[in-house]
Amino acid sequence: MIYTILNLGLAIILLFWMNLDISRKDMGRKYYWGWMLGVVIGYFFLTLLGVIIVVIVYYAWSRFYHTKIKG
């Protein structure tokens, strides 16, 4: 029970962090909703491991791929 609450709390904290990062970079809300959906799906299938995988992929995408798109 406590493990599930901690996992869900960590997922929510990571969603807040992703929202802050997307807002600072002026990416738009569609990117936030897309990544939020990824976190929810990752949590549903793999709980904490799924959330961590999605956050690592988001971090790599936001640092490398998205900066190449914007110029």
PDB file of N, CA and C in Angstrom:
ATOM      1  N   MET A   1       0.820  -1.194   0.000  1.00  0.00           N
ATOM      2  CA  MET A   1       0.000   0.000   0.000  1.00  0.00           C
ATOM      3  C   MET A   1       0.865   1.260   0.000  1.00  0.00           C
ATOM      4  N   ILE A   2       1.821   1.321   0.918  1.00  0.00           N
ATOM      5  CA  ILE A   2       2.691   2.493   1.004  1.00  0.00           C
ATOM      6  C   ILE A   2       3.559   2.601  -0.240  1.00  0.00           C
ATOM      7  N   TYR A   3       4.013   1.447  -0.755  1.00  0.00           N
ATOM      8  CA  TYR A   3       4.832   1.425  -1.966  1.00  0.00           C
ATOM      9  C   TYR A   3       4.071   2.030  -3.148  1.00  0.00           C
ATOM     10  N   THR A   4       2.799   1.709  -3.278  1.00  0.00           N
ATOM     11  CA  THR A   4       1.976   2.243  -4.364  1.00  0.00           C
ATOM     12  C   THR A   4       1.791   3.745  -4.220  1.00  0.00           C
ATOM     13  N   ILE A   5       1.574   4.207  -3.018  1.00  0.00           N
ATOM     14  CA  ILE A   5       1.407   5.641  -2.777  1.00  0.00           C
ATOM     15  C   ILE A   5       2.696   6.385  -3.092  1.00  0.00           C
ATOM     16  N   LEU A   6       3.840   5.830  -2.706  1.00  0.00           N
ATOM     17  CA  LEU A   6       5.123   6.463  -3.017  1.00  0.00           C
ATOM     18  C   LEU A   6       5.374   6.499  -4.520  1.00  0.00           C
ATOM     19  N   ASN A   7       5.052   5.419  -5.224  1.00  0.00           N
ATOM     20  CA  ASN A   7       5.216   5.404  -6.679  1.00  0.00           C
ATOM     21  C   ASN A   7       4.342   6.454  -7.348  1.00  0.00           C
ATOM     22  N   LEU A   8       3.098   6.538  -6.928  1.00  0.00           N
ATOM     23  CA  LEU A   8       2.187   7.520  -7.502  1.00  0.00           C
ATOM     24  C   LEU A   8       2.641   8.941  -7.170  1.00  0.00           C
ATOM     25  N   GLY A   9       3.121   9.162  -5.960  1.00  0.00           N
ATOM     26  CA  GLY A   9       3.642  10.473  -5.586  1.00  0.00           C
ATOM     27  C   GLY A   9       4.840  10.869  -6.422  1.00  0.00           C
ATOM     28  N   LEU A  10       5.740   9.930  -6.666  1.00  0.00           N
ATOM     29  CA  LEU A  10       6.899  10.213  -7.514  1.00  0.00           C
ATOM     30  C   LEU A  10       6.468  10.517  -8.942  1.00  0.00           C
ATOM     31  N   ALA A  11       5.488   9.798  -9.447  1.00  0.00           N
ATOM     32  CA  ALA A  11       4.985  10.056 -10.798  1.00  0.00           C
ATOM     33  C   ALA A  11       4.394  11.461 -10.897  1.00  0.00           C
ATOM     34  N   ILE A  12       3.675  11.889  -9.878  1.00  0.00           N
ATOM     35  CA  ILE A  12       3.085  13.228  -9.881  1.00  0.00           C
ATOM     36  C   ILE A  12       4.170  14.295  -9.811  1.00  0.00           C
ATOM     37  N   ILE A  13       5.188  14.084  -8.984  1.00  0.00           N
ATOM     38  CA  ILE A  13       6.303  15.038  -8.904  1.00  0.00           C
ATOM     39  C   ILE A  13       7.010  15.146 -10.246  1.00  0.00           C
ATOM     40  N   LEU A  14       7.218  14.021 -10.921  1.00  0.00           N
ATOM     41  CA  LEU A  14       7.864  14.048 -12.232  1.00  0.00           C
ATOM     42  C   LEU A  14       6.994  14.750 -13.270  1.00  0.00           C
ATOM     43  N   LEU A  15       5.678  14.604 -13.167  1.00  0.00           N
ATOM     44  CA  LEU A  15       4.789  15.337 -14.076  1.00  0.00           C
ATOM     45  C   LEU A  15       4.885  16.843 -13.844  1.00  0.00           C
ATOM     46  N   PHE A  16       4.963  17.260 -12.586  1.00  0.00           N
ATOM     47  CA  PHE A  16       5.145  18.682 -12.298  1.00  0.00           C
ATOM     48  C   PHE A  16       6.469  19.188 -12.865  1.00  0.00           C
ATOM     49  N   TRP A  17       7.529  18.390 -12.737  1.00  0.00           N
ATOM     50  CA  TRP A  17       8.826  18.781 -13.278  1.00  0.00           C
ATOM     51  C   TRP A  17       8.769  18.906 -14.807  1.00  0.00           C
ATOM     52  N   MET A  18       8.121  17.940 -15.459  1.00  0.00           N
ATOM     53  CA  MET A  18       8.005  18.006 -16.916  1.00  0.00           C
ATOM     54  C   MET A  18       7.190  19.225 -17.337  1.00  0.00           C
ATOM     55  N   ASN A  19       6.133  19.550 -16.605  1.00  0.00           N
ATOM     56  CA  ASN A  19       5.325  20.723 -16.913  1.00  0.00           C
ATOM     57  C   ASN A  19       6.151  21.996 -16.781  1.00  0.00           C
ATOM     58  N   LEU A  20       6.936  22.086 -15.736  1.00  0.00           N
ATOM     59  CA  LEU A  20       7.789  23.251 -15.542  1.00  0.00           C
ATOM     60  C   LEU A  20       8.818  23.376 -16.661  1.00  0.00           C
ATOM     61  N   ASP A  21       9.431  22.274 -17.043  1.00  0.00           N
ATOM     62  CA  ASP A  21      10.435  22.284 -18.103  1.00  0.00           C
ATOM     63  C   ASP A  21       9.821  22.672 -19.444  1.00  0.00           C
ATOM     64  N   ILE A  22       8.658  22.129 -19.751  1.00  0.00           N
ATOM     65  CA  ILE A  22       7.986  22.452 -21.016  1.00  0.00           C
ATOM     66  C   ILE A  22       7.545  23.909 -21.028  1.00  0.00           C
ATOM     67  N   SER A  23       7.079  24.423 -19.905  1.00  0.00           N
ATOM     68  CA  SER A  23       6.665  25.828 -19.828  1.00  0.00           C
ATOM     69  C   SER A  23       7.851  26.764 -19.998  1.00  0.00           C
ATOM     70  N   ARG A  24       8.976  26.438 -19.409  1.00  0.00           N
ATOM     71  CA  ARG A  24      10.170  27.284 -19.533  1.00  0.00           C
ATOM     72  C   ARG A  24      10.685  27.350 -20.963  1.00  0.00           C
ATOM     73  N   LYS A  25      10.505  26.268 -21.697  1.00  0.00           N
ATOM     74  CA  LYS A  25      11.005  26.215 -23.072  1.00  0.00           C
ATOM     75  C   LYS A  25       9.966  26.649 -24.098  1.00  0.00           C
ATOM     76  N   ASP A  26       8.795  27.058 -23.658  1.00  0.00           N
ATOM     77  CA  ASP A  26       7.705  27.488 -24.544  1.00  0.00           C
ATOM     78  C   ASP A  26       7.420  26.475 -25.643  1.00  0.00           C
ATOM     79  N   MET A  27       7.310  25.215 -25.254  1.00  0.00           N
ATOM     80  CA  MET A  27       7.043  24.164 -26.235  1.00  0.00           C
ATOM     81  C   MET A  27       5.568  24.077 -26.589  1.00  0.00           C
ATOM     82  N   GLY A  28       4.703  24.421 -25.689  1.00  0.00           N
ATOM     83  CA  GLY A  28       3.269  24.306 -25.954  1.00  0.00           C
ATOM     84  C   GLY A  28       2.646  23.194 -25.130  1.00  0.00           C
ATOM     85  N   ARG A  29       1.343  23.298 -24.966  1.00  0.00           N
ATOM     86  CA  ARG A  29       0.624  22.345 -24.120  1.00  0.00           C
ATOM     87  C   ARG A  29       0.495  20.967 -24.761  1.00  0.00           C
ATOM     88  N   LYS A  30       0.526  20.897 -26.099  1.00  0.00           N
ATOM     89  CA  LYS A  30       0.347  19.587 -26.731  1.00  0.00           C
ATOM     90  C   LYS A  30       1.484  18.644 -26.360  1.00  0.00           C
ATOM     91  N   TYR A  31       2.691  19.175 -26.195  1.00  0.00           N
ATOM     92  CA  TYR A  31       3.808  18.327 -25.784  1.00  0.00           C
ATOM     93  C   TYR A  31       3.623  17.834 -24.353  1.00  0.00           C
ATOM     94  N   TYR A  32       3.130  18.699 -23.481  1.00  0.00           N
ATOM     95  CA  TYR A  32       2.891  18.283 -22.098  1.00  0.00           C
ATOM     96  C   TYR A  32       1.854  17.169 -22.042  1.00  0.00           C
ATOM     97  N   TRP A  33       0.756  17.336 -22.759  1.00  0.00           N
ATOM     98  CA  TRP A  33      -0.291  16.315 -22.718  1.00  0.00           C
ATOM     99  C   TRP A  33       0.199  15.005 -23.317  1.00  0.00           C
ATOM    100  N   GLY A  34       1.013  15.093 -24.354  1.00  0.00           N
ATOM    101  CA  GLY A  34       1.565  13.873 -24.940  1.00  0.00           C
ATOM    102  C   GLY A  34       2.480  13.139 -23.980  1.00  0.00           C
ATOM    103  N   TRP A  35       3.370  13.871 -23.317  1.00  0.00           N
ATOM    104  CA  TRP A  35       4.283  13.236 -22.366  1.00  0.00           C
ATOM    105  C   TRP A  35       3.546  12.790 -21.109  1.00  0.00           C
ATOM    106  N   MET A  36       2.504  13.525 -20.717  1.00  0.00           N
ATOM    107  CA  MET A  36       1.718  13.088 -19.569  1.00  0.00           C
ATOM    108  C   MET A  36       1.031  11.760 -19.873  1.00  0.00           C
ATOM    109  N   LEU A  37       0.519  11.633 -21.074  1.00  0.00           N
ATOM    110  CA  LEU A  37      -0.086  10.365 -21.475  1.00  0.00           C
ATOM    111  C   LEU A  37       0.950   9.243 -21.452  1.00  0.00           C
ATOM    112  N   GLY A  38       2.176   9.554 -21.880  1.00  0.00           N
ATOM    113  CA  GLY A  38       3.247   8.559 -21.819  1.00  0.00           C
ATOM    114  C   GLY A  38       3.560   8.128 -20.397  1.00  0.00           C
ATOM    115  N   VAL A  39       3.572   9.072 -19.470  1.00  0.00           N
ATOM    116  CA  VAL A  39       3.830   8.739 -18.064  1.00  0.00           C
ATOM    117  C   VAL A  39       2.702   7.874 -17.504  1.00  0.00           C
ATOM    118  N   VAL A  40       1.469   8.211 -17.839  1.00  0.00           N
ATOM    119  CA  VAL A  40       0.332   7.425 -17.343  1.00  0.00           C
ATOM    120  C   VAL A  40       0.388   6.003 -17.894  1.00  0.00           C
ATOM    121  N   ILE A  41       0.670   5.854 -19.180  1.00  0.00           N
ATOM    122  CA  ILE A  41       0.769   4.521 -19.775  1.00  0.00           C
ATOM    123  C   ILE A  41       1.952   3.761 -19.184  1.00  0.00           C
ATOM    124  N   GLY A  42       3.086   4.441 -19.015  1.00  0.00           N
ATOM    125  CA  GLY A  42       4.239   3.796 -18.399  1.00  0.00           C
ATOM    126  C   GLY A  42       3.956   3.347 -16.979  1.00  0.00           C
ATOM    127  N   TYR A  43       3.244   4.181 -16.223  1.00  0.00           N
ATOM    128  CA  TYR A  43       2.884   3.804 -14.852  1.00  0.00           C
ATOM    129  C   TYR A  43       1.909   2.633 -14.842  1.00  0.00           C
ATOM    130  N   PHE A  44       0.990   2.627 -15.780  1.00  0.00           N
ATOM    131  CA  PHE A  44      -0.013   1.565 -15.827  1.00  0.00           C
ATOM    132  C   PHE A  44       0.624   0.210 -16.123  1.00  0.00           C
ATOM    133  N   PHE A  45       1.592   0.184 -17.051  1.00  0.00           N
ATOM    134  CA  PHE A  45       2.176  -1.093 -17.449  1.00  0.00           C
ATOM    135  C   PHE A  45       3.364  -1.521 -16.587  1.00  0.00           C
ATOM    136  N   LEU A  46       4.224  -0.581 -16.199  1.00  0.00           N
ATOM    137  CA  LEU A  46       5.454  -0.961 -15.491  1.00  0.00           C
ATOM    138  C   LEU A  46       5.657  -0.224 -14.173  1.00  0.00           C
ATOM    139  N   THR A  47       4.668   0.430 -13.655  1.00  0.00           N
ATOM    140  CA  THR A  47       4.724   1.256 -12.435  1.00  0.00           C
ATOM    141  C   THR A  47       5.953   2.150 -12.432  1.00  0.00           C
ATOM    142  N   LEU A  48       6.782   2.065 -11.433  1.00  0.00           N
ATOM    143  CA  LEU A  48       7.895   2.994 -11.279  1.00  0.00           C
ATOM    144  C   LEU A  48       8.902   2.881 -12.415  1.00  0.00           C
ATOM    145  N   LEU A  49       9.207   1.693 -12.851  1.00  0.00           N
ATOM    146  CA  LEU A  49      10.157   1.509 -13.952  1.00  0.00           C
ATOM    147  C   LEU A  49       9.646   2.168 -15.228  1.00  0.00           C
ATOM    148  N   GLY A  50       8.366   2.060 -15.508  1.00  0.00           N
ATOM    149  CA  GLY A  50       7.788   2.698 -16.687  1.00  0.00           C
ATOM    150  C   GLY A  50       7.882   4.207 -16.628  1.00  0.00           C
ATOM    151  N   VAL A  51       7.625   4.779 -15.461  1.00  0.00           N
ATOM    152  CA  VAL A  51       7.721   6.230 -15.291  1.00  0.00           C
ATOM    153  C   VAL A  51       9.160   6.684 -15.481  1.00  0.00           C
ATOM    154  N   ILE A  52      10.104   5.957 -14.923  1.00  0.00           N
ATOM    155  CA  ILE A  52      11.515   6.319 -15.060  1.00  0.00           C
ATOM    156  C   ILE A  52      11.952   6.243 -16.518  1.00  0.00           C
ATOM    157  N   ILE A  53      11.524   5.215 -17.232  1.00  0.00           N
ATOM    158  CA  ILE A  53      11.873   5.090 -18.650  1.00  0.00           C
ATOM    159  C   ILE A  53      11.313   6.270 -19.446  1.00  0.00           C
ATOM    160  N   VAL A  54      10.062   6.622 -19.213  1.00  0.00           N
ATOM    161  CA  VAL A  54       9.452   7.739 -19.933  1.00  0.00           C
ATOM    162  C   VAL A  54      10.163   9.048 -19.604  1.00  0.00           C
ATOM    163  N   VAL A  55      10.533   9.264 -18.356  1.00  0.00           N
ATOM    164  CA  VAL A  55      11.215  10.505 -17.972  1.00  0.00           C
ATOM    165  C   VAL A  55      12.609  10.577 -18.598  1.00  0.00           C
ATOM    166  N   ILE A  56      13.320   9.468 -18.665  1.00  0.00           N
ATOM    167  CA  ILE A  56      14.638   9.464 -19.308  1.00  0.00           C
ATOM    168  C   ILE A  56      14.507   9.774 -20.794  1.00  0.00           C
ATOM    169  N   VAL A  57      13.521   9.173 -21.437  1.00  0.00           N
ATOM    170  CA  VAL A  57      13.295   9.454 -22.862  1.00  0.00           C
ATOM    171  C   VAL A  57      12.891  10.914 -23.051  1.00  0.00           C
ATOM    172  N   TYR A  58      12.044  11.443 -22.176  1.00  0.00           N
ATOM    173  CA  TYR A  58      11.665  12.853 -22.261  1.00  0.00           C
ATOM    174  C   TYR A  58      12.879  13.759 -22.099  1.00  0.00           C
ATOM    175  N   TYR A  59      13.719  13.460 -21.125  1.00  0.00           N
ATOM    176  CA  TYR A  59      14.897  14.288 -20.882  1.00  0.00           C
ATOM    177  C   TYR A  59      15.796  14.312 -22.112  1.00  0.00           C
ATOM    178  N   ALA A  60      16.046  13.150 -22.699  1.00  0.00           N
ATOM    179  CA  ALA A  60      16.883  13.089 -23.903  1.00  0.00           C
ATOM    180  C   ALA A  60      16.214  13.842 -25.054  1.00  0.00           C
ATOM    181  N   TRP A  61      14.927  13.663 -25.219  1.00  0.00           N
ATOM    182  CA  TRP A  61      14.206  14.333 -26.295  1.00  0.00           C
ATOM    183  C   TRP A  61      14.231  15.847 -26.125  1.00  0.00           C
ATOM    184  N   SER A  62      13.984  16.317 -24.915  1.00  0.00           N
ATOM    185  CA  SER A  62      13.908  17.761 -24.695  1.00  0.00           C
ATOM    186  C   SER A  62      15.273  18.427 -24.802  1.00  0.00           C
ATOM    187  N   ARG A  63      16.344  17.707 -24.492  1.00  0.00           N
ATOM    188  CA  ARG A  63      17.676  18.302 -24.550  1.00  0.00           C
ATOM    189  C   ARG A  63      18.290  18.250 -25.943  1.00  0.00           C
ATOM    190  N   PHE A  64      18.018  17.200 -26.688  1.00  0.00           N
ATOM    191  CA  PHE A  64      18.704  17.012 -27.961  1.00  0.00           C
ATOM    192  C   PHE A  64      17.776  17.176 -29.163  1.00  0.00           C
ATOM    193  N   TYR A  65      16.707  16.421 -29.218  1.00  0.00           N
ATOM    194  CA  TYR A  65      15.850  16.431 -30.397  1.00  0.00           C
ATOM    195  C   TYR A  65      15.076  17.738 -30.520  1.00  0.00           C
ATOM    196  N   HIS A  66      14.445  18.184 -29.450  1.00  0.00           N
ATOM    197  CA  HIS A  66      13.615  19.383 -29.528  1.00  0.00           C
ATOM    198  C   HIS A  66      14.448  20.627 -29.790  1.00  0.00           C
ATOM    199  N   THR A  67      15.673  20.698 -29.291  1.00  0.00           N
ATOM    200  CA  THR A  67      16.512  21.865 -29.552  1.00  0.00           C
ATOM    201  C   THR A  67      16.933  21.916 -31.011  1.00  0.00           C
ATOM    202  N   LYS A  68      17.056  20.767 -31.675  1.00  0.00           N
ATOM    203  CA  LYS A  68      17.384  20.761 -33.100  1.00  0.00           C
ATOM    204  C   LYS A  68      16.205  21.240 -33.932  1.00  0.00           C
ATOM    205  N   ILE A  69      14.988  20.946 -33.490  1.00  0.00           N
ATOM    206  CA  ILE A  69      13.800  21.387 -34.223  1.00  0.00           C
ATOM    207  C   ILE A  69      13.665  22.905 -34.143  1.00  0.00           C
ATOM    208  N   LYS A  70      13.840  23.449 -32.951  1.00  0.00           N
ATOM    209  CA  LYS A  70      13.647  24.890 -32.760  1.00  0.00           C
ATOM    210  C   LYS A  70      14.779  25.713 -33.361  1.00  0.00           C
ATOM    211  N   GLY A  71      15.920  25.112 -33.583  1.00  0.00           N
ATOM    212  CA  GLY A  71      16.997  25.837 -34.242  1.00  0.00           C
ATOM    213  C   GLY A  71      18.131  26.049 -33.352  1.00  0.00           C
TER     214      GLY A  71
END
